[in-house]
C-alpha atoms as a PDB file:
ATOM      1  CA  MET A   1     163.469  53.713 168.516  1.00  0.00           C
ATOM      2  CA  LYS A   2     163.099  51.986 171.968  1.00  0.00           C
ATOM      3  CA  LYS A   3     166.907  50.719 172.057  1.00  0.00           C
ATOM      4  CA  ILE A   4     168.863  53.616 169.945  1.00  0.00           C
ATOM      5  CA  ILE A   5     166.871  55.168 173.106  1.00  0.00           C
ATOM      6  CA  LEU A   6     167.913  53.415 175.543  1.00  0.00           C
ATOM      7  CA  THR A   7     171.712  53.430 174.032  1.00  0.00           C
ATOM      8  CA  TRP A   8     171.705  57.128 174.085  1.00  0.00           C
ATOM      9  CA  ALA A   9     170.736  57.766 177.702  1.00  0.00           C
ATOM     10  CA  PHE A  10     173.651  54.995 178.979  1.00  0.00           C
ATOM     11  CA  LEU A  11     175.636  56.906 177.269  1.00  0.00           C
ATOM     12  CA  CYS A  12     175.080  60.471 178.404  1.00  0.00           C
ATOM     13  CA  THR A  13     175.379  58.799 181.698  1.00  0.00           C
ATOM     14  CA  LEU A  14     178.791  57.659 182.133  1.00  0.00           C
ATOM     15  CA  GLY A  15     179.907  60.651 179.977  1.00  0.00           C
ATOM     16  CA  ASN A  16     178.184  62.571 183.152  1.00  0.00           C
ATOM     17  CA  LEU A  17     180.117  60.586 184.987  1.00  0.00           C
ATOM     18  CA  ALA A  18     183.371  61.199 183.417  1.00  0.00           C
ATOM     19  CA  MET A  19     182.546  64.713 183.919  1.00  0.00           C
ATOM     20  CA  ALA A  20     181.865  64.088 187.351  1.00  0.00           C
ATOM     21  CA  GLN A  21     184.314  62.461 188.420  1.00  0.00           C
ATOM     22  CA  THR A  22     187.129  64.699 186.316  1.00  0.00           C
ATOM     23  CA  GLU A  23     185.503  68.099 188.105  1.00  0.00           C
ATOM     24  CA  ARG A  24     185.593  65.879 191.573  1.00  0.00           C
ATOM     25  CA  LEU A  25     189.840  65.425 190.817  1.00  0.00           C
ATOM     26  CA  ASP A  26     190.666  69.497 189.788  1.00  0.00           C
ATOM     27  CA  TYR A  27     191.048  71.431 192.454  1.00  0.00           C
ATOM     28  CA  ARG A  28     192.197  74.803 190.406  1.00  0.00           C
ATOM     29  CA  GLU A  29     188.581  76.095 191.541  1.00  0.00           C
ATOM     30  CA  ARG A  30     188.561  75.028 195.601  1.00  0.00           C
ATOM     31  CA  LEU A  31     190.265  76.407 198.079  1.00  0.00           C
ATOM     32  CA  VAL A  32     193.005  73.616 199.231  1.00  0.00           C
ATOM     33  CA  PHE A  33     195.022  72.822 202.848  1.00  0.00           C
ATOM     34  CA  GLY A  34     197.926  70.663 202.735  1.00  0.00           C
ATOM     35  CA  LEU A  35     200.897  69.236 204.150  1.00  0.00           C
ATOM     36  CA  LYS A  36     204.588  68.929 203.182  1.00  0.00           C
ATOM     37  CA  ILE A  37     208.315  67.418 203.901  1.00  0.00           C
ATOM     38  CA  GLY A  38     211.316  67.494 201.889  1.00  0.00           C
ATOM     39  CA  ALA A  39     214.859  68.849 202.000  1.00  0.00           C
ATOM     40  CA  ASN A  40     216.365  71.965 201.023  1.00  0.00           C
ATOM     41  CA  TYR A  41     219.522  71.639 199.342  1.00  0.00           C
ATOM     42  CA  ALA A  42     221.597  74.793 200.643  1.00  0.00           C
ATOM     43  CA  ASN A  43     224.795  77.603 200.192  1.00  0.00           C
ATOM     44  CA  VAL A  44     225.377  80.844 200.589  1.00  0.00           C
ATOM     45  CA  TYR A  45     226.614  83.214 198.041  1.00  0.00           C
ATOM     46  CA  ASP A  46     227.752  86.881 197.243  1.00  0.00           C
ATOM     47  CA  GLU A  47     230.320  86.443 199.801  1.00  0.00           C
ATOM     48  CA  GLN A  48     231.882  89.697 201.918  1.00  0.00           C
ATOM     49  CA  THR A  49     234.804  88.102 203.411  1.00  0.00           C
ATOM     50  CA  ASP A  50     238.452  86.824 202.520  1.00  0.00           C
ATOM     51  CA  ASN A  51     239.532  83.761 202.311  1.00  0.00           C
ATOM     52  CA  PHE A  52     235.758  82.091 202.515  1.00  0.00           C
ATOM     53  CA  LYS A  53     234.344  79.242 200.556  1.00  0.00           C
ATOM     54  CA  ALA A  54     231.583  77.854 201.119  1.00  0.00           C
ATOM     55  CA  ASP A  55     229.830  74.042 199.768  1.00  0.00           C
ATOM     56  CA  PRO A  56     226.174  72.907 200.368  1.00  0.00           C
ATOM     57  CA  LYS A  57     224.649  71.534 203.242  1.00  0.00           C
ATOM     58  CA  PHE A  58     221.321  69.445 203.652  1.00  0.00           C
ATOM     59  CA  GLY A  59     218.912  69.743 206.232  1.00  0.00           C
ATOM     60  CA  LEU A  60     214.459  69.927 206.803  1.00  0.00           C
ATOM     61  CA  ALA A  61     212.119  71.015 205.271  1.00  0.00           C
ATOM     62  CA  ALA A  62     208.317  71.146 205.830  1.00  0.00           C
ATOM     63  CA  GLY A  63     205.200  72.970 206.817  1.00  0.00           C
ATOM     64  CA  GLY A  64     201.859  73.278 205.079  1.00  0.00           C
ATOM     65  CA  PHE A  65     200.084  75.300 202.103  1.00  0.00           C
ATOM     66  CA  LEU A  66     196.758  76.991 201.466  1.00  0.00           C
ATOM     67  CA  ALA A  67     196.025  77.311 197.745  1.00  0.00           C
ATOM     68  CA  ILE A  68     193.417  80.244 196.972  1.00  0.00           C
ATOM     69  CA  PRO A  69     192.539  79.994 193.878  1.00  0.00           C
ATOM     70  CA  ILE A  70     191.625  83.460 191.685  1.00  0.00           C
ATOM     71  CA  GLY A  71     189.812  82.397 188.762  1.00  0.00           C
ATOM     72  CA  LYS A  72     190.387  78.183 187.446  1.00  0.00           C
ATOM     73  CA  TYR A  73     193.719  79.349 185.804  1.00  0.00           C
ATOM     74  CA  PHE A  74     195.119  82.112 188.698  1.00  0.00           C
ATOM     75  CA  GLY A  75     195.980  81.912 192.291  1.00  0.00           C
ATOM     76  CA  VAL A  76     198.264  82.737 195.255  1.00  0.00           C
ATOM     77  CA  GLN A  77     199.536  80.211 197.296  1.00  0.00           C
ATOM     78  CA  PRO A  78     200.615  81.096 201.088  1.00  0.00           C
ATOM     79  CA  GLU A  79     202.940  78.181 203.281  1.00  0.00           C
ATOM     80  CA  ALA A  80     204.445  78.646 206.598  1.00  0.00           C
ATOM     81  CA  LEU A  81     207.768  76.470 206.318  1.00  0.00           C
ATOM     82  CA  PHE A  82     210.005  74.943 209.054  1.00  0.00           C
ATOM     83  CA  SER A  83     213.154  75.031 206.822  1.00  0.00           C
ATOM     84  CA  GLN A  84     217.242  74.354 207.128  1.00  0.00           C
ATOM     85  CA  LYS A  85     219.951  75.994 206.020  1.00  0.00           C
ATOM     86  CA  GLY A  86     223.538  76.786 205.658  1.00  0.00           C
ATOM     87  CA  PHE A  87     226.268  75.764 204.953  1.00  0.00           C
ATOM     88  CA  LYS A  88     229.945  73.684 205.309  1.00  0.00           C
ATOM     89  CA  SER A  89     232.623  75.656 204.712  1.00  0.00           C
ATOM     90  CA  SER A  90     236.576  75.730 205.395  1.00  0.00           C
ATOM     91  CA  GLY A  91     239.785  79.097 205.244  1.00  0.00           C
ATOM     92  CA  SER A  92     241.424  81.275 206.893  1.00  0.00           C
ATOM     93  CA  ILE A  93     240.282  84.156 209.579  1.00  0.00           C
ATOM     94  CA  LEU A  94     241.835  85.983 211.876  1.00  0.00           C
ATOM     95  CA  GLY A  95     245.326  84.684 210.332  1.00  0.00           C
ATOM     96  CA  ASN A  96     244.438  80.784 211.112  1.00  0.00           C
ATOM     97  CA  ASN A  97     242.725  77.668 209.134  1.00  0.00           C
ATOM     98  CA  TYR A  98     239.021  76.778 210.267  1.00  0.00           C
ATOM     99  CA  ASN A  99     235.817  73.916 209.109  1.00  0.00           C
ATOM    100  CA  ILE A 100     232.444  74.816 210.114  1.00  0.00           C
ATOM    101  CA  ASN A 101     229.305  73.356 208.901  1.00  0.00           C
ATOM    102  CA  ARG A 102     226.615  76.131 210.112  1.00  0.00           C
ATOM    103  CA  THR A 103     223.031  74.919 210.443  1.00  0.00           C
ATOM    104  CA  SER A 104     220.902  78.251 210.299  1.00  0.00           C
ATOM    105  CA  ASN A 105     217.132  76.931 210.975  1.00  0.00           C
ATOM    106  CA  TYR A 106     214.199  79.632 209.801  1.00  0.00           C
ATOM    107  CA  ILE A 107     210.768  79.833 209.794  1.00  0.00           C
ATOM    108  CA  ASP A 108     209.586  80.805 205.665  1.00  0.00           C
ATOM    109  CA  PHE A 109     206.546  82.530 204.908  1.00  0.00           C
ATOM    110  CA  PRO A 110     206.698  82.758 200.832  1.00  0.00           C
ATOM    111  CA  LEU A 111     203.587  84.216 199.584  1.00  0.00           C
ATOM    112  CA  MET A 112     203.305  83.304 195.724  1.00  0.00           C
ATOM    113  CA  VAL A 113     201.217  83.933 192.543  1.00  0.00           C
ATOM    114  CA  SER A 114     200.076  80.621 191.035  1.00  0.00           C
ATOM    115  CA  ILE A 115     199.474  79.709 187.652  1.00  0.00           C
ATOM    116  CA  THR A 116     197.462  76.538 187.435  1.00  0.00           C
ATOM    117  CA  PRO A 117     197.642  76.070 183.433  1.00  0.00           C
ATOM    118  CA  SER A 118     196.568  72.251 184.109  1.00  0.00           C
ATOM    119  CA  GLU A 119     194.938  70.482 186.995  1.00  0.00           C
ATOM    120  CA  PHE A 120     198.695  68.777 186.848  1.00  0.00           C
ATOM    121  CA  LEU A 121     200.940  71.562 186.707  1.00  0.00           C
ATOM    122  CA  THR A 122     201.134  74.777 189.396  1.00  0.00           C
ATOM    123  CA  ILE A 123     203.822  77.785 188.296  1.00  0.00           C
ATOM    124  CA  LEU A 124     204.436  79.360 191.286  1.00  0.00           C
ATOM    125  CA  ALA A 125     206.315  82.867 192.341  1.00  0.00           C
ATOM    126  CA  GLY A 126     206.837  85.275 195.072  1.00  0.00           C
ATOM    127  CA  PRO A 127     207.738  86.849 197.954  1.00  0.00           C
ATOM    128  CA  GLN A 128     209.105  85.444 200.723  1.00  0.00           C
ATOM    129  CA  TYR A 129     209.709  86.303 204.104  1.00  0.00           C
ATOM    130  CA  SER A 130     212.248  84.855 206.117  1.00  0.00           C
ATOM    131  CA  TYR A 131     212.488  84.747 209.967  1.00  0.00           C
ATOM    132  CA  LEU A 132     215.862  82.700 212.234  1.00  0.00           C
ATOM    133  CA  ILE A 133     214.618  81.106 215.677  1.00  0.00           C
ATOM    134  CA  SER A 134     218.008  79.335 215.516  1.00  0.00           C
ATOM    135  CA  GLN A 135     221.586  78.910 214.016  1.00  0.00           C
ATOM    136  CA  THR A 136     224.266  76.352 214.904  1.00  0.00           C
ATOM    137  CA  ASN A 137     228.185  76.362 213.802  1.00  0.00           C
ATOM    138  CA  THR A 138     230.144  73.157 214.122  1.00  0.00           C
ATOM    139  CA  PHE A 139     234.190  73.283 213.783  1.00  0.00           C
ATOM    140  CA  ALA A 140     236.150  70.662 212.808  1.00  0.00           C
ATOM    141  CA  ASN A 141     238.854  71.650 213.541  1.00  0.00           C
ATOM    142  CA  GLY A 142     240.298  70.938 216.974  1.00  0.00           C
ATOM    143  CA  SER A 143     242.425  74.363 217.168  1.00  0.00           C
ATOM    144  CA  THR A 144     239.957  76.687 216.134  1.00  0.00           C
ATOM    145  CA  THR A 145     240.324  79.418 218.553  1.00  0.00           C
ATOM    146  CA  ILE A 146     238.065  81.668 221.620  1.00  0.00           C
ATOM    147  CA  GLU A 147     238.321  84.449 219.158  1.00  0.00           C
ATOM    148  CA  GLN A 148     237.310  82.146 215.974  1.00  0.00           C
ATOM    149  CA  GLU A 149     233.798  81.217 217.135  1.00  0.00           C
ATOM    150  CA  LYS A 150     232.945  84.244 218.597  1.00  0.00           C
ATOM    151  CA  ALA A 151     234.044  85.796 214.967  1.00  0.00           C
ATOM    152  CA  PHE A 152     231.384  82.767 213.571  1.00  0.00           C
ATOM    153  CA  ASP A 153     228.254  84.520 216.399  1.00  0.00           C
ATOM    154  CA  ASN A 154     227.818  87.359 215.049  1.00  0.00           C
ATOM    155  CA  GLU A 155     225.886  89.254 218.255  1.00  0.00           C
ATOM    156  CA  ASN A 156     224.251  91.511 215.904  1.00  0.00           C
ATOM    157  CA  ILE A 157     222.964  88.596 213.145  1.00  0.00           C
ATOM    158  CA  ARG A 158     219.896  89.834 211.547  1.00  0.00           C
ATOM    159  CA  LYS A 159     217.082  87.458 211.661  1.00  0.00           C
ATOM    160  CA  ASN A 160     214.167  89.058 209.462  1.00  0.00           C
ATOM    161  CA  THR A 161     215.317  88.330 206.028  1.00  0.00           C
ATOM    162  CA  LEU A 162     213.354  88.706 202.720  1.00  0.00           C
ATOM    163  CA  CYS A 163     213.915  87.026 199.308  1.00  0.00           C
ATOM    164  CA  PHE A 164     212.580  85.742 196.530  1.00  0.00           C
ATOM    165  CA  THR A 165     211.304  82.272 195.634  1.00  0.00           C
ATOM    166  CA  GLY A 166     209.745  80.296 192.729  1.00  0.00           C
ATOM    167  CA  GLY A 167     209.505  77.085 191.783  1.00  0.00           C
ATOM    168  CA  LEU A 168     206.672  73.867 190.011  1.00  0.00           C
ATOM    169  CA  ASP A 169     203.892  71.976 192.135  1.00  0.00           C
ATOM    170  CA  LEU A 170     203.542  68.585 190.056  1.00  0.00           C
ATOM    171  CA  THR A 171     199.568  67.705 191.026  1.00  0.00           C
ATOM    172  CA  ILE A 172     197.983  63.567 190.708  1.00  0.00           C
ATOM    173  CA  ALA A 173     194.937  63.356 193.218  1.00  0.00           C
ATOM    174  CA  HIS A 174     195.770  64.043 196.241  1.00  0.00           C
ATOM    175  CA  SER A 175     199.345  64.114 196.496  1.00  0.00           C
ATOM    176  CA  VAL A 176     202.435  67.406 195.821  1.00  0.00           C
ATOM    177  CA  ILE A 177     205.296  67.028 194.337  1.00  0.00           C
ATOM    178  CA  SER A 178     206.961  70.399 194.750  1.00  0.00           C
ATOM    179  CA  ILE A 179     210.402  71.975 193.504  1.00  0.00           C
ATOM    180  CA  ARG A 180     211.247  75.254 194.592  1.00  0.00           C
ATOM    181  CA  ALA A 181     214.953  77.352 194.544  1.00  0.00           C
ATOM    182  CA  GLY A 182     215.306  80.302 196.906  1.00  0.00           C
ATOM    183  CA  TRP A 183     217.875  83.764 196.718  1.00  0.00           C
ATOM    184  CA  ASP A 184     217.274  85.567 200.612  1.00  0.00           C
ATOM    185  CA  LEU A 185     217.888  89.540 198.862  1.00  0.00           C
ATOM    186  CA  ARG A 186     219.720  90.729 202.580  1.00  0.00           C
ATOM    187  CA  ASP A 187     222.355  89.971 204.112  1.00  0.00           C
ATOM    188  CA  ASN A 188     222.713  88.230 207.106  1.00  0.00           C
ATOM    189  CA  ILE A 189     223.804  91.219 209.162  1.00  0.00           C
ATOM    190  CA  GLY A 190     223.490  94.671 209.774  1.00  0.00           C
ATOM    191  CA  ASP A 191     226.469  95.762 211.702  1.00  0.00           C
ATOM    192  CA  GLY A 192     229.121  95.954 208.388  1.00  0.00           C
ATOM    193  CA  THR A 193     231.524  94.035 210.998  1.00  0.00           C
ATOM    194  CA  SER A 194     234.291  92.983 208.711  1.00  0.00           C
ATOM    195  CA  THR A 195     235.947  89.545 210.922  1.00  0.00           C
ATOM    196  CA  THR A 196     232.471  88.256 210.832  1.00  0.00           C
ATOM    197  CA  LEU A 197     231.340  86.142 208.023  1.00  0.00           C
ATOM    198  CA  ARG A 198     228.858  88.370 205.844  1.00  0.00           C
ATOM    199  CA  TYR A 199     226.935  86.393 202.930  1.00  0.00           C
ATOM    200  CA  LYS A 200     222.758  85.555 201.680  1.00  0.00           C
ATOM    201  CA  ASN A 201     221.285  82.319 201.552  1.00  0.00           C
ATOM    202  CA  MET A 202     219.919  80.372 198.781  1.00  0.00           C
ATOM    203  CA  TRP A 203     218.905  77.231 198.378  1.00  0.00           C
ATOM    204  CA  TYR A 204     216.609  74.430 196.421  1.00  0.00           C
ATOM    205  CA  GLN A 205     214.721  72.248 197.421  1.00  0.00           C
ATOM    206  CA  ALA A 206     211.851  69.203 197.055  1.00  0.00           C
ATOM    207  CA  THR A 207     209.534  67.852 198.639  1.00  0.00           C
ATOM    208  CA  TYR A 208     206.086  65.800 198.920  1.00  0.00           C
ATOM    209  CA  GLY A 209     202.444  67.305 200.355  1.00  0.00           C
ATOM    210  CA  PHE A 210     198.814  65.910 200.366  1.00  0.00           C
ATOM    211  CA  ARG A 211     196.098  67.961 199.582  1.00  0.00           C
ATOM    212  CA  PHE A 212     192.327  67.640 201.326  1.00  0.00           C
END
């Protein structure tokens, strides 16, 4: 009988340790801060300029996130990211051909609702506010005219943009692999100038993060 009791106590202890280990690794009900870095694969859509076709380009994505639980299976996740978007393109404007590589540097603030069906998977979606901090154009065609360059340098560019974003977080211990897709809901200019390229940004994003 004594051996049975000792064996039972030993098994209960192992069970409690296993449960404690599982609870320690399950972050779903904990406030979690993390950092992430990765890349955007960006392009534009809803173009409103004749003879303009864009190709995607890669850019940097890096920043931090805060996972705020509302129960075990739901929560909100605000993030702050430096995010490079843009496009590569060739076409004709003002009667002349051009080749351009545009890089648009944004600070993105997504605020997503999170659903966590398991400790390894989080589904996220929600609005995003993006602020344009800088934009550069690199012309590959040496014959590009000053008039063309001015047409690309829109003086009334929209710096404040509302977007929609969503994706998945895959988590293993402290590591987080994030996959996102996003779309601007407003175009890049506000004055309707016909000679300036009008479009909305879209992007796919993959990052690796570490949560604390």
